[in-house]
Amino acid sequence: MKIDLNELFCEQDDVRLEEELAPRSIEVAGTFYQMTPESVRAELDFHKVNEQEIFLQGKLRFGWKLICDRCMADVEKRMDLSFDREILLAEGHSLDLDELIREEAILNFPQKVLCREDCLGICEICGKNKNENACECQRTEAADIRFAGLKELFENNFKEV
C-alpha cells in the first residue's frame, strides 16, 4: 500500500493514519517467515516539519510464526514495535507501507527464539524433545582431562542465552 505524502499534507500539517493490513511472509537472512493469521496493525502519526521534511512516529503490532531454537517446536511471538523516521519529501514522493513494515520487522527480528525460558531442547542422541518426554539415552562423558577446568568454569558461571 502506497501513501502519497504530498496529497496527504495538502490541507493539514499533522495527520494520523490507522491501517489494518493482511499478514505476509518476510525474508530474513535467506529464510521466509510467516506472520500469524491476524492482521498487521499500523498506527502512523505524521508531522510536517517544513516543505521538505516530515517526521513520522509509528507503532506496528503483528505476530510471527517462528521455531524454537532449542527444541524446534512452533512458537507464535507477538511484536509491538515503536519507531521514528524522518522523511525527506521530493516531487511525487510516496511512502510504501509494505516496505516500511518489512524494514521494521527485520530490524526487530528476535535474535533467539525460545518456546519457554526453561526449554530443555532435543536429545543429542535420539532426537526426542526433552520438554515432552524424558529419553532413556545413556550419556557417557569421555571428558578430556585437559578441558576439565574449562568445563568447571562453564558449569558454575555461565548460562546459555
Protein backbone atom coordinates (compact mmCIF):
# COMPACT_ATOMS: atom_id res chain seq x y z
CA MET A 1 0.00 0.00 0.00
CA LYS A 2 1.45 3.34 -1.07
CA ILE A 3 0.65 6.63 0.66
CA ASP A 4 1.07 9.81 -1.41
CA LEU A 5 2.69 12.17 1.10
CA ASN A 6 2.21 15.34 -0.96
CA GLU A 7 -1.52 14.67 -1.18
CA LEU A 8 -1.70 13.70 2.49
CA PHE A 9 -0.45 17.14 3.61
CA CYS A 10 -2.36 19.34 1.17
CA GLU A 11 -4.73 20.65 3.91
CA GLN A 12 -3.08 20.00 7.30
CA ASP A 13 0.34 19.60 8.92
CA ASP A 14 -0.48 16.71 11.29
CA VAL A 15 -2.08 13.50 10.07
CA ARG A 16 -2.87 10.25 11.90
CA LEU A 17 -3.45 7.04 9.96
CA GLU A 18 -4.56 3.69 11.37
CA GLU A 19 -4.40 0.77 8.99
CA GLU A 20 -5.17 -2.95 9.19
CA LEU A 21 -3.11 -4.90 6.68
CA ALA A 22 -3.03 -8.53 5.68
CA PRO A 23 -0.29 -10.70 7.20
CA ARG A 24 2.64 -11.52 4.95
CA SER A 25 5.77 -13.56 4.80
CA ILE A 26 9.08 -11.74 5.20
CA GLU A 27 12.53 -12.89 4.19
CA VAL A 28 15.19 -12.62 6.90
CA ALA A 29 18.72 -13.83 6.09
CA GLY A 30 17.51 -16.07 3.25
CA THR A 31 14.65 -17.71 5.22
CA PHE A 32 10.98 -16.81 4.79
CA TYR A 33 8.99 -16.31 7.99
CA GLN A 34 5.21 -16.12 8.05
CA MET A 35 3.23 -13.72 10.20
CA THR A 36 0.34 -15.09 12.26
CA PRO A 37 -3.12 -15.01 10.62
CA GLU A 38 -4.40 -11.94 12.47
CA SER A 39 -3.86 -8.66 10.68
CA VAL A 40 -0.95 -6.29 10.97
CA ARG A 41 -1.99 -3.11 12.76
CA ALA A 42 -0.19 0.12 11.90
CA GLU A 43 -0.66 3.45 13.70
CA LEU A 44 1.17 6.28 11.96
CA ASP A 45 1.44 9.90 13.15
CA PHE A 46 2.84 12.25 10.51
CA HIS A 47 4.02 15.77 11.36
CA LYS A 48 5.07 18.14 8.60
CA VAL A 49 8.22 19.90 9.83
CA ASN A 50 8.65 22.08 6.72
CA GLU A 51 8.04 21.84 2.97
CA GLN A 52 10.78 19.23 2.50
CA GLU A 53 10.64 17.21 5.73
CA ILE A 54 8.12 15.00 7.55
CA PHE A 55 8.57 13.37 10.94
CA LEU A 56 6.84 10.01 11.36
CA GLN A 57 6.12 8.25 14.65
CA GLY A 58 4.70 4.79 14.21
CA LYS A 59 3.54 1.69 16.02
CA LEU A 60 3.22 -1.77 14.50
CA ARG A 61 1.50 -4.80 16.03
CA PHE A 62 1.74 -8.25 14.50
CA GLY A 63 2.71 -11.81 15.31
CA TRP A 64 5.41 -14.13 13.96
CA LYS A 65 5.25 -17.86 13.37
CA LEU A 66 8.72 -18.99 14.47
CA ILE A 67 10.59 -22.12 15.56
CA CYS A 68 12.20 -22.60 18.97
CA ASP A 69 16.00 -22.53 18.69
CA ARG A 70 16.40 -25.37 21.21
CA CYS A 71 13.60 -27.88 20.59
CA MET A 72 12.30 -26.93 17.11
CA ALA A 73 8.71 -26.50 18.40
CA ASP A 74 6.40 -23.97 16.74
CA VAL A 75 6.26 -20.63 18.56
CA GLU A 76 3.99 -17.64 18.00
CA LYS A 77 5.61 -14.39 19.12
CA ARG A 78 3.69 -11.12 19.40
CA MET A 79 5.52 -7.95 18.36
CA ASP A 80 4.68 -4.39 19.44
CA LEU A 81 7.12 -2.04 17.75
CA SER A 82 7.54 1.72 18.03
CA PHE A 83 9.70 3.69 15.64
CA ASP A 84 10.53 7.21 14.47
CA ARG A 85 11.50 8.25 10.95
CA GLU A 86 12.47 11.45 9.22
CA ILE A 87 11.24 11.54 5.63
CA LEU A 88 12.53 14.00 3.06
CA LEU A 89 9.91 14.99 0.52
CA ALA A 90 10.53 15.03 -3.18
CA GLU A 91 8.13 15.71 -6.01
CA GLY A 92 5.60 12.89 -6.20
CA HIS A 93 7.03 11.22 -3.07
CA SER A 94 5.07 8.32 -1.62
CA LEU A 95 5.58 6.05 1.37
CA ASP A 96 5.38 2.31 0.71
CA LEU A 97 3.71 0.98 3.87
CA ASP A 98 4.50 -2.65 2.97
CA GLU A 99 8.21 -1.81 2.70
CA LEU A 100 8.10 0.11 6.00
CA ILE A 101 6.60 -2.92 7.76
CA ARG A 102 9.20 -5.22 6.19
CA GLU A 103 12.09 -3.00 7.29
CA GLU A 104 10.86 -2.61 10.87
CA ALA A 105 10.12 -6.35 11.16
CA ILE A 106 13.65 -7.22 10.01
CA LEU A 107 15.27 -4.62 12.28
CA ASN A 108 13.37 -6.02 15.28
CA PHE A 109 13.60 -9.72 14.44
CA PRO A 110 14.34 -11.71 17.63
CA GLN A 111 17.91 -12.98 17.93
CA LYS A 112 16.93 -16.05 19.96
CA VAL A 113 13.51 -17.69 19.97
CA LEU A 114 12.51 -19.98 22.83
CA CYS A 115 9.19 -21.74 23.33
CA ARG A 116 9.68 -21.11 27.05
CA GLU A 117 12.51 -19.79 29.18
CA ASP A 118 13.41 -23.22 30.61
CA CYS A 119 13.25 -25.14 27.31
CA LEU A 120 15.29 -28.34 27.56
CA GLY A 121 15.86 -28.73 23.83
CA ILE A 122 16.22 -32.04 21.99
CA CYS A 123 18.28 -35.08 22.95
CA GLU A 124 21.59 -35.12 21.07
CA ILE A 125 21.43 -38.90 20.81
CA CYS A 126 17.83 -39.88 19.98
CA GLY A 127 16.39 -36.53 18.86
CA LYS A 128 13.37 -36.54 21.22
CA ASN A 129 12.01 -33.27 22.52
CA LYS A 130 13.09 -33.32 26.18
CA ASN A 131 10.22 -30.96 27.12
CA GLU A 132 7.67 -33.62 26.14
CA ASN A 133 9.32 -36.89 27.23
CA ALA A 134 12.40 -37.83 29.18
CA CYS A 135 14.54 -40.04 27.00
CA GLU A 136 16.37 -43.15 28.19
CA CYS A 137 19.62 -42.42 26.39
CA GLN A 138 22.83 -43.16 28.24
CA ARG A 139 25.20 -40.26 28.27
CA THR A 140 28.81 -41.13 28.66
CA GLU A 141 31.14 -38.27 29.08
CA ALA A 142 34.62 -39.15 27.99
CA ALA A 143 35.96 -35.77 29.01
CA ASP A 144 39.45 -34.80 28.04
CA ILE A 145 41.35 -34.07 31.25
CA ARG A 146 42.92 -31.01 29.59
CA PHE A 147 39.49 -29.32 29.41
CA ALA A 148 38.29 -30.17 32.95
CA GLY A 149 39.00 -26.66 34.23
CA LEU A 150 37.16 -25.06 31.32
CA LYS A 151 34.16 -27.35 31.85
CA GLU A 152 34.02 -26.40 35.52
CA LEU A 153 34.17 -22.71 34.62
CA PHE A 154 31.18 -23.02 32.26
CA GLU A 155 29.11 -25.15 34.64
CA ASN A 156 29.50 -22.72 37.51
CA ASN A 157 29.48 -19.30 35.89
CA PHE A 158 27.65 -19.20 32.59
CA LYS A 159 24.07 -19.64 31.48
CA GLU A 160 23.01 -20.08 27.87
CA VAL A 161 21.37 -17.01 26.39
